[in-house]
Amino acid sequence: MYTVTNTQPNTERKIIFIVEDNETYSRSLKTFIQNYYASLYEIEIFPIGEMCIMELSRNPTIIIIDYFLNSKHTEANNGLEIIKRIKLLKPNTNIIVLSSQENLDVISETIKQYDCTYIPKNQAAFNKIKLSITGILDREKPPAFDPMN
């Protein structure tokens, strides 16, 4: 039996949005993702969620969003409000919540109700994001080629 499998994540024409109001953190995360997933089509940073919402027509594969988006822009919605709007407009969007939010009720609501992955903002966060991205991209892989079937 002849089978061709792809060992690299499927990253063709994938877009990742990073919604984070800490410019240094968002740039570091973007660089980290670009270094690991060199073939990604685009990684876009938004300092507030409202800007991300306006760009949803670009169909991002993954949105990585901070919970506390209104720390610098007090008029901005927090991450949970933006997640609700994203899921209303694009219900199948993969969302990774990256935050220092420690309220278990908020975390539970986000994960269960809005089908998100929650990653605490700590020293292991970038590696956990890498694992989450790989998992999402692997789910989107086309089936392996098997000429016998």
Protein backbone atom coordinates (compact mmCIF):
# COMPACT_ATOMS: atom_id res chain seq x y z
CA MET A 1 0.00 0.00 0.00
CA TYR A 2 1.36 3.43 -0.97
CA THR A 3 0.53 6.33 1.35
CA VAL A 4 1.76 9.91 1.26
CA THR A 5 1.49 11.83 4.49
CA ASN A 6 2.39 15.39 5.28
CA THR A 7 4.45 15.78 8.46
CA GLN A 8 4.33 19.60 8.39
CA PRO A 9 1.20 21.45 9.51
CA ASN A 10 -1.02 22.64 6.66
CA THR A 11 -0.14 26.34 6.56
CA GLU A 12 -1.04 27.24 2.97
CA ARG A 13 -2.76 30.67 2.81
CA LYS A 14 -3.46 30.80 6.53
CA ILE A 15 -4.01 34.09 8.35
CA ILE A 16 -3.58 34.64 12.08
CA PHE A 17 -4.91 37.70 13.87
CA ILE A 18 -3.31 38.76 17.15
CA VAL A 19 -5.51 41.05 19.23
CA GLU A 20 -3.33 42.46 22.00
CA ASP A 21 -2.99 45.98 23.37
CA ASN A 22 0.57 45.44 24.64
CA GLU A 23 2.63 46.32 21.57
CA THR A 24 5.85 44.70 22.77
CA TYR A 25 4.09 41.46 23.69
CA SER A 26 2.16 41.29 20.40
CA ARG A 27 5.31 41.88 18.33
CA SER A 28 7.18 39.20 20.27
CA LEU A 29 4.33 36.75 19.73
CA LYS A 30 4.17 37.58 16.01
CA THR A 31 7.93 37.00 15.64
CA PHE A 32 7.69 33.72 17.56
CA ILE A 33 4.87 32.46 15.31
CA GLN A 34 6.65 33.60 12.13
CA ASN A 35 9.80 31.76 13.18
CA TYR A 36 7.93 28.51 13.76
CA TYR A 37 5.43 28.77 10.90
CA ALA A 38 7.50 30.41 8.18
CA SER A 39 5.01 29.54 5.44
CA LEU A 40 2.02 31.31 7.01
CA TYR A 41 0.45 33.74 4.62
CA GLU A 42 -0.02 36.59 7.07
CA ILE A 43 -0.01 37.52 10.74
CA GLU A 44 -1.83 40.74 11.59
CA ILE A 45 -1.74 42.60 14.91
CA PHE A 46 -4.68 44.64 16.23
CA PRO A 47 -4.41 46.74 19.42
CA ILE A 48 -8.18 46.63 20.00
CA GLY A 49 -10.83 44.06 19.15
CA GLU A 50 -13.03 46.46 17.21
CA MET A 51 -10.31 46.70 14.54
CA CYS A 52 -10.19 42.91 14.32
CA ILE A 53 -13.98 42.74 13.86
CA MET A 54 -13.72 45.12 10.89
CA GLU A 55 -11.27 42.70 9.20
CA LEU A 56 -13.15 39.41 9.73
CA SER A 57 -14.03 39.31 6.03
CA ARG A 58 -10.39 38.23 5.50
CA ASN A 59 -11.36 34.93 7.17
CA PRO A 60 -8.54 34.43 9.67
CA THR A 61 -7.77 30.80 10.43
CA ILE A 62 -6.93 31.62 14.04
CA ILE A 63 -7.48 34.64 16.28
CA ILE A 64 -5.28 34.96 19.35
CA ILE A 65 -6.91 37.46 21.68
CA ASP A 66 -6.09 38.96 25.06
CA TYR A 67 -8.91 39.27 27.58
CA PHE A 68 -7.89 42.69 28.89
CA LEU A 69 -8.04 44.78 25.72
CA ASN A 70 -9.24 47.94 27.41
CA SER A 71 -6.25 48.60 29.65
CA LYS A 72 -4.78 51.23 27.31
CA HIS A 73 -7.94 52.12 25.38
CA THR A 74 -10.59 52.45 28.07
CA GLU A 75 -13.36 52.86 25.51
CA ALA A 76 -12.49 49.51 23.87
CA ASN A 77 -14.44 46.33 24.58
CA ASN A 78 -12.78 43.57 26.59
CA GLY A 79 -11.77 40.29 24.99
CA LEU A 80 -14.94 38.42 25.99
CA GLU A 81 -17.17 41.01 24.30
CA ILE A 82 -15.06 40.78 21.13
CA ILE A 83 -15.17 36.97 21.21
CA LYS A 84 -18.98 37.10 21.40
CA ARG A 85 -19.07 39.34 18.32
CA ILE A 86 -16.58 37.19 16.41
CA LYS A 87 -18.58 34.02 17.10
CA LEU A 88 -21.79 35.77 16.06
CA LEU A 89 -20.27 36.86 12.74
CA LYS A 90 -17.93 33.90 12.08
CA PRO A 91 -19.02 31.01 14.33
CA ASN A 92 -16.35 28.56 13.10
CA THR A 93 -13.39 30.84 13.86
CA ASN A 94 -10.65 29.23 15.95
CA ILE A 95 -9.97 31.47 18.95
CA ILE A 96 -7.12 31.22 21.43
CA VAL A 97 -7.59 33.40 24.51
CA LEU A 98 -4.21 34.47 25.85
CA SER A 99 -4.57 36.34 29.09
CA SER A 100 -3.62 36.82 32.69
CA GLN A 101 -7.33 36.58 33.59
CA GLU A 102 -7.53 34.44 36.72
CA ASN A 103 -11.29 34.50 37.31
CA LEU A 104 -12.31 30.87 36.81
CA ASP A 105 -15.91 31.82 35.96
CA VAL A 106 -14.75 33.98 33.05
CA ILE A 107 -12.35 31.30 31.84
CA SER A 108 -15.04 28.60 32.02
CA GLU A 109 -17.59 30.76 30.18
CA THR A 110 -15.10 31.58 27.45
CA ILE A 111 -14.00 28.00 26.88
CA LYS A 112 -17.39 26.30 27.11
CA GLN A 113 -19.80 28.79 25.61
CA TYR A 114 -17.60 30.17 22.85
CA ASP A 115 -15.47 27.11 22.01
CA CYS A 116 -12.13 28.78 22.72
CA THR A 117 -8.77 27.58 23.91
CA TYR A 118 -7.54 29.38 27.02
CA ILE A 119 -3.81 29.86 27.59
CA PRO A 120 -2.57 31.71 30.65
CA LYS A 121 -0.11 34.50 29.95
CA ASN A 122 2.99 33.08 31.62
CA GLN A 123 6.45 31.77 30.69
CA ALA A 124 5.03 28.70 28.93
CA ALA A 125 2.43 30.66 26.93
CA PHE A 126 4.27 30.87 23.60
CA ASN A 127 4.99 27.13 23.52
CA LYS A 128 1.36 26.37 24.41
CA ILE A 129 0.25 28.69 21.60
CA LYS A 130 2.55 26.82 19.22
CA LEU A 131 0.93 23.52 20.24
CA SER A 132 -2.56 24.98 19.83
CA ILE A 133 -1.77 26.42 16.39
CA THR A 134 -0.31 23.10 15.27
CA GLY A 135 -3.41 21.28 16.50
CA ILE A 136 -5.73 23.65 14.64
CA LEU A 137 -3.71 23.48 11.42
CA ASP A 138 -3.47 19.68 11.64
CA ARG A 139 -7.28 19.45 11.88
CA GLU A 140 -7.47 21.37 8.60
CA LYS A 141 -5.06 19.10 6.72
CA PRO A 142 -6.45 17.46 3.61
CA PRO A 143 -6.71 13.67 3.92
CA ALA A 144 -3.56 11.68 3.18
CA PHE A 145 -3.22 10.35 -0.37
CA ASP A 146 -3.89 6.62 -0.58
CA PRO A 147 -4.20 5.29 -4.16
CA MET A 148 -5.59 1.95 -2.91
CA ASN A 149 -8.82 3.59 -1.67
